[in-house]
Amino acid sequence: MSTAADLREMSLAVLQTAEPRAKAAAARAVRRALDEARLAWPAPWPTDLPGAPARPERPLRVAPGKTPRRRLGTLEGRIALLHAIAHIEFNAIDLAFDMAVRFGGDPALGGAARDRFLAEWIAVGDDEARHFGLVADRLEALGAAYGDLAAHDGLWDAARATGHDLAARLAIAPLVLEARGLDVTPGMIDRLNSAGDPVSAGILEIIYADEVGHVATGMRWFRHVCRAAGLEPETRYQGLVQQYYRGGLKPPFNTDARDRAEFPEEYYLPLAATGAPLA
């Protein structure tokens, strides 16, 4: 198995698979094939862009404020939290593979940089697929399943808004949305432990540890893209967040985890400290 289209075709297959478990399995298959050197790198990288990723009929999509409440002192509340996390991880599979497929031919990724970029985002997608499986399994152990509850499409809305610009996608997906996970996940772990659910807390600990690496990957490639364009990364990041992220950067920030991801506070603190509108 080795044709110039293999890597792209397998990655596209992830995006085109709707059933959640099958999508996760397809993502993990790409990483295995890559690790076993059974995939060729297309040269040049095709420039046609895929559409939106395939989605299952369930969960029902609703506005962000309409999702179920998550009172962790009840089984229903813990299921609601885990369902929301499963939905995030499901979308994160597509975000990682869309990053590779959509931007693998970007001019900033010339030569060996492109191969590293593709390999690293496929590895991120494999992590997200593994995370989805862990959370989906835990939901089933609690008598529920992914798709049982309503969810929102905020993550993919952010991807859609930044589909034309690699720097914007990097600034928003890993360096706002996933970095926010570093801020809030330790608190969720503590609350799950306090609610007597160390199994769910342990799954979040795995996700949290991996997310530090994902934010680091986003930071590394954001700096690369800025250097290629001759732009100062901090200023570029702040401008892109103001342009594309409407939610605002809300403290408190987990500066320890962000520092471990090599994401210095000089990038994000000015956006929160000034109170400037993020429109």
Protein backbone atom coordinates (compact mmCIF):
# COMPACT_ATOMS: atom_id res chain seq x y z
CA MET A 1 0.00 0.00 0.00
CA SER A 2 1.59 3.22 -1.12
CA THR A 3 0.32 5.73 -3.63
CA ALA A 4 0.72 9.50 -3.57
CA ALA A 5 -2.93 9.88 -2.53
CA ASP A 6 -2.90 7.49 0.43
CA LEU A 7 -2.35 10.00 3.22
CA ARG A 8 -4.89 12.49 1.94
CA GLU A 9 -7.45 9.83 1.03
CA MET A 10 -7.29 8.20 4.45
CA SER A 11 -7.49 11.59 6.16
CA LEU A 12 -10.45 12.61 4.01
CA ALA A 13 -12.13 9.34 4.95
CA VAL A 14 -12.02 10.41 8.59
CA LEU A 15 -13.82 13.65 7.77
CA GLN A 16 -16.34 11.84 5.57
CA THR A 17 -17.28 9.25 8.22
CA ALA A 18 -20.36 10.18 10.23
CA GLU A 19 -20.77 7.35 12.77
CA PRO A 20 -18.79 8.39 15.86
CA ARG A 21 -17.07 5.10 16.69
CA ALA A 22 -16.23 4.53 13.02
CA LYS A 23 -14.80 8.06 12.72
CA ALA A 24 -12.57 7.44 15.74
CA ALA A 25 -11.45 4.09 14.32
CA ALA A 26 -10.65 5.69 10.96
CA ALA A 27 -8.57 8.37 12.70
CA ARG A 28 -6.60 5.77 14.63
CA ALA A 29 -6.01 3.79 11.42
CA VAL A 30 -4.34 6.77 9.76
CA ARG A 31 -1.92 7.14 12.67
CA ARG A 32 -1.10 3.42 12.64
CA ALA A 33 -0.46 3.44 8.91
CA LEU A 34 1.73 6.50 9.28
CA ASP A 35 3.73 4.94 12.10
CA GLU A 36 4.24 1.80 10.02
CA ALA A 37 5.48 3.90 7.05
CA ARG A 38 2.64 2.61 4.89
CA LEU A 39 1.57 6.07 3.71
CA ALA A 40 3.13 8.23 1.05
CA TRP A 41 3.19 12.03 1.22
CA PRO A 42 1.38 13.63 -1.75
CA ALA A 43 3.66 15.98 -3.66
CA PRO A 44 2.48 18.56 -4.39
CA TRP A 45 -0.28 18.58 -1.76
CA PRO A 46 -3.67 18.87 -3.51
CA THR A 47 -5.30 22.26 -3.14
CA ASP A 48 -9.00 21.33 -3.46
CA LEU A 49 -10.73 21.73 -0.12
CA PRO A 50 -13.22 19.34 1.50
CA GLY A 51 -16.61 20.50 2.69
CA ALA A 52 -17.91 20.21 6.23
CA PRO A 53 -17.27 16.88 7.95
CA ALA A 54 -19.95 14.21 8.03
CA ARG A 55 -22.14 14.22 11.13
CA PRO A 56 -24.43 11.61 12.69
CA GLU A 57 -28.15 12.32 13.15
CA ARG A 58 -27.62 12.39 16.91
CA PRO A 59 -26.85 14.31 19.04
CA LEU A 60 -29.44 16.95 18.33
CA ARG A 61 -27.71 20.31 17.73
CA VAL A 62 -28.95 23.23 19.80
CA ALA A 63 -27.76 26.69 20.78
CA PRO A 64 -24.96 26.67 23.40
CA GLY A 65 -27.24 27.87 26.20
CA LYS A 66 -29.72 25.03 25.57
CA THR A 67 -27.44 22.10 26.47
CA PRO A 68 -28.20 20.02 29.61
CA ARG A 69 -27.06 21.31 32.99
CA ARG A 70 -24.13 19.55 34.67
CA ARG A 71 -24.69 19.21 38.42
CA LEU A 72 -21.99 16.71 39.24
CA GLY A 73 -23.58 15.60 42.49
CA THR A 74 -26.07 13.56 40.46
CA LEU A 75 -25.57 10.74 37.99
CA GLU A 76 -27.51 12.72 35.39
CA GLY A 77 -25.21 15.69 35.87
CA ARG A 78 -22.08 13.58 35.46
CA ILE A 79 -23.53 12.02 32.33
CA ALA A 80 -24.27 15.52 30.98
CA LEU A 81 -20.67 16.57 31.62
CA LEU A 82 -19.21 13.45 30.04
CA HIS A 83 -21.55 13.79 27.06
CA ALA A 84 -20.35 17.36 26.52
CA ILE A 85 -16.72 16.18 26.70
CA ALA A 86 -17.41 13.33 24.27
CA HIS A 87 -18.89 15.89 21.86
CA ILE A 88 -15.81 18.08 22.19
CA GLU A 89 -13.51 15.13 21.50
CA PHE A 90 -15.64 13.99 18.56
CA ASN A 91 -15.37 17.45 17.01
CA ALA A 92 -11.68 17.61 17.87
CA ILE A 93 -11.02 14.56 15.66
CA ASP A 94 -12.39 16.51 12.71
CA LEU A 95 -10.57 19.69 13.70
CA ALA A 96 -7.21 17.88 13.66
CA PHE A 97 -7.79 16.10 10.36
CA ASP A 98 -9.27 19.21 8.77
CA MET A 99 -6.11 21.04 9.87
CA ALA A 100 -4.02 18.50 7.96
CA VAL A 101 -6.19 18.19 4.85
CA ARG A 102 -7.12 21.85 4.50
CA PHE A 103 -3.77 23.41 5.25
CA GLY A 104 -1.22 20.76 4.27
CA GLY A 105 -0.48 22.66 1.07
CA ASP A 106 -0.10 26.07 2.70
CA PRO A 107 2.90 28.01 1.32
CA ALA A 108 4.24 28.48 4.86
CA LEU A 109 4.80 24.71 5.05
CA GLY A 110 7.41 24.24 2.38
CA GLY A 111 9.72 21.23 2.26
CA ALA A 112 10.15 19.07 5.35
CA ALA A 113 7.97 21.42 7.42
CA ARG A 114 4.89 20.12 5.62
CA ASP A 115 5.65 16.50 6.48
CA ARG A 116 6.15 17.40 10.15
CA PHE A 117 2.95 19.45 10.16
CA LEU A 118 0.90 16.61 8.71
CA ALA A 119 2.39 13.99 11.02
CA GLU A 120 1.87 16.12 14.12
CA TRP A 121 -1.79 16.94 13.39
CA ILE A 122 -2.56 13.33 12.51
CA ALA A 123 -1.03 12.41 15.89
CA VAL A 124 -3.30 14.99 17.56
CA GLY A 125 -6.29 13.52 15.74
CA ASP A 126 -5.33 10.06 16.97
CA ASP A 127 -5.22 11.37 20.55
CA GLU A 128 -8.66 12.92 20.16
CA ALA A 129 -10.04 9.64 18.80
CA ARG A 130 -8.59 7.77 21.77
CA HIS A 131 -10.11 10.35 24.14
CA PHE A 132 -13.50 10.00 22.47
CA GLY A 133 -13.37 6.25 22.94
CA LEU A 134 -12.51 6.56 26.62
CA VAL A 135 -15.37 8.98 27.31
CA ALA A 136 -17.87 7.07 25.14
CA ASP A 137 -17.00 3.87 26.99
CA ARG A 138 -17.49 5.61 30.33
CA LEU A 139 -20.88 6.94 29.24
CA GLU A 140 -21.94 3.42 28.35
CA ALA A 141 -20.73 2.12 31.72
CA LEU A 142 -23.03 4.72 33.32
CA GLY A 143 -26.01 3.60 31.25
CA ALA A 144 -25.87 6.33 28.60
CA ALA A 145 -24.40 6.82 25.14
CA TYR A 146 -22.98 9.62 23.01
CA GLY A 147 -25.90 11.10 21.13
CA ASP A 148 -28.42 10.75 23.96
CA LEU A 149 -28.27 14.45 24.89
CA ALA A 150 -28.30 17.67 22.90
CA ALA A 151 -25.02 19.38 22.00
CA HIS A 152 -23.90 22.54 20.24
CA ASP A 153 -21.65 23.19 17.24
CA GLY A 154 -19.50 25.97 18.67
CA LEU A 155 -16.23 24.20 17.91
CA TRP A 156 -17.04 23.66 14.28
CA ASP A 157 -18.41 27.19 13.95
CA ALA A 158 -14.92 28.41 14.91
CA ALA A 159 -13.35 26.09 12.35
CA ARG A 160 -15.70 27.32 9.64
CA ALA A 161 -14.83 30.95 10.37
CA THR A 162 -11.07 30.28 10.06
CA GLY A 163 -11.09 27.85 7.13
CA HIS A 164 -9.32 30.27 4.84
CA ASP A 165 -6.32 31.17 7.03
CA LEU A 166 -3.88 28.77 8.71
CA ALA A 167 -2.69 31.37 11.23
CA ALA A 168 -6.29 32.14 12.23
CA ARG A 169 -7.14 28.45 12.60
CA LEU A 170 -4.09 27.88 14.81
CA ALA A 171 -4.83 30.96 16.90
CA ILE A 172 -8.43 29.98 17.56
CA ALA A 173 -8.60 26.15 17.64
CA PRO A 174 -5.58 25.10 19.74
CA LEU A 175 -4.65 28.47 21.24
CA VAL A 176 -8.07 29.65 22.41
CA LEU A 177 -10.44 26.68 22.51
CA GLU A 178 -8.09 23.89 23.54
CA ALA A 179 -6.11 26.21 25.81
CA ARG A 180 -9.38 26.94 27.58
CA GLY A 181 -9.57 23.23 28.32
CA LEU A 182 -6.31 23.57 30.24
CA ASP A 183 -7.95 26.24 32.38
CA VAL A 184 -11.15 24.40 33.26
CA THR A 185 -10.28 20.68 33.28
CA PRO A 186 -8.46 20.60 36.66
CA GLY A 187 -11.57 21.99 38.34
CA MET A 188 -13.75 19.36 36.67
CA ILE A 189 -11.37 16.64 37.83
CA ASP A 190 -11.62 17.90 41.41
CA ARG A 191 -15.41 18.07 41.25
CA LEU A 192 -15.70 14.54 39.87
CA ASN A 193 -13.44 13.19 42.59
CA SER A 194 -15.50 15.05 45.21
CA ALA A 195 -18.66 13.54 43.69
CA GLY A 196 -17.24 10.05 44.19
CA ASP A 197 -16.45 9.37 40.53
CA PRO A 198 -12.67 8.79 40.36
CA VAL A 199 -13.03 6.73 37.16
CA SER A 200 -14.40 9.69 35.19
CA ALA A 201 -11.85 11.97 36.88
CA GLY A 202 -9.06 9.64 35.75
CA ILE A 203 -10.21 9.87 32.13
CA LEU A 204 -10.13 13.66 32.33
CA GLU A 205 -6.61 13.47 33.76
CA ILE A 206 -5.50 11.57 30.65
CA ILE A 207 -7.17 14.13 28.37
CA TYR A 208 -5.68 17.03 30.33
CA ALA A 209 -2.12 15.68 30.06
CA ASP A 210 -2.46 15.19 26.30
CA GLU A 211 -4.00 18.63 25.79
CA VAL A 212 -0.85 20.31 27.08
CA GLY A 213 0.95 18.72 24.12
CA HIS A 214 -1.78 19.74 21.70
CA VAL A 215 -1.56 23.39 22.74
CA ALA A 216 2.22 23.15 22.41
CA THR A 217 1.78 21.82 18.86
CA GLY A 218 -0.51 24.72 18.03
CA MET A 219 1.94 27.22 19.51
CA ARG A 220 4.88 25.75 17.63
CA TRP A 221 3.12 25.93 14.26
CA PHE A 222 1.63 29.35 14.93
CA ARG A 223 5.13 30.70 15.50
CA HIS A 224 6.35 28.94 12.36
CA VAL A 225 3.60 30.46 10.23
CA CYS A 226 4.22 33.94 11.65
CA ARG A 227 7.97 33.66 11.02
CA ALA A 228 7.30 32.58 7.44
CA ALA A 229 5.15 35.69 6.96
CA GLY A 230 7.62 38.00 8.72
CA LEU A 231 5.10 38.81 11.46
CA GLU A 232 5.54 39.15 15.23
CA PRO A 233 3.61 36.23 16.79
CA GLU A 234 2.24 37.93 19.92
CA THR A 235 0.75 40.86 18.01
CA ARG A 236 -0.58 38.58 15.29
CA TYR A 237 -2.23 36.29 17.85
CA GLN A 238 -3.94 39.17 19.61
CA GLY A 239 -5.24 40.60 16.35
CA LEU A 240 -6.61 37.25 15.18
CA VAL A 241 -8.35 36.57 18.49
CA GLN A 242 -9.99 39.99 18.39
CA GLN A 243 -11.10 39.32 14.82
CA TYR A 244 -12.36 35.76 15.06
CA TYR A 245 -13.25 34.88 18.65
CA ARG A 246 -16.42 36.42 20.04
CA GLY A 247 -16.46 34.66 23.37
CA GLY A 248 -13.74 36.74 24.98
CA LEU A 249 -10.71 35.44 26.90
CA LYS A 250 -11.90 34.96 30.45
CA PRO A 251 -9.58 34.47 33.43
CA PRO A 252 -8.54 32.69 35.51
CA PHE A 253 -5.91 31.11 33.28
CA ASN A 254 -3.97 27.97 34.12
CA THR A 255 -0.62 29.64 33.57
CA ASP A 256 1.30 26.60 34.79
CA ALA A 257 -0.18 24.31 32.11
CA ARG A 258 0.02 27.03 29.49
CA ASP A 259 3.68 27.61 30.33
CA ARG A 260 4.33 23.87 29.97
CA ALA A 261 2.76 24.18 26.53
CA GLU A 262 5.20 27.03 25.78
CA PHE A 263 2.26 29.42 25.51
CA PRO A 264 3.47 32.50 27.42
CA GLU A 265 1.07 34.83 29.17
CA GLU A 266 2.30 37.76 27.10
CA TYR A 267 0.12 36.41 24.29
CA TYR A 268 -3.21 36.18 26.08
CA LEU A 269 -3.15 38.30 29.26
CA PRO A 270 -3.34 41.64 27.42
CA LEU A 271 -6.60 40.57 25.81
CA ALA A 272 -8.18 39.81 29.18
CA ALA A 273 -6.53 42.59 31.20
CA THR A 274 -7.54 45.53 29.00
CA GLY A 275 -11.21 44.59 28.87
CA ALA A 276 -11.12 45.34 25.13
CA PRO A 277 -14.14 43.95 23.28
CA LEU A 278 -13.34 40.83 21.28
CA ALA A 279 -15.59 41.34 18.28
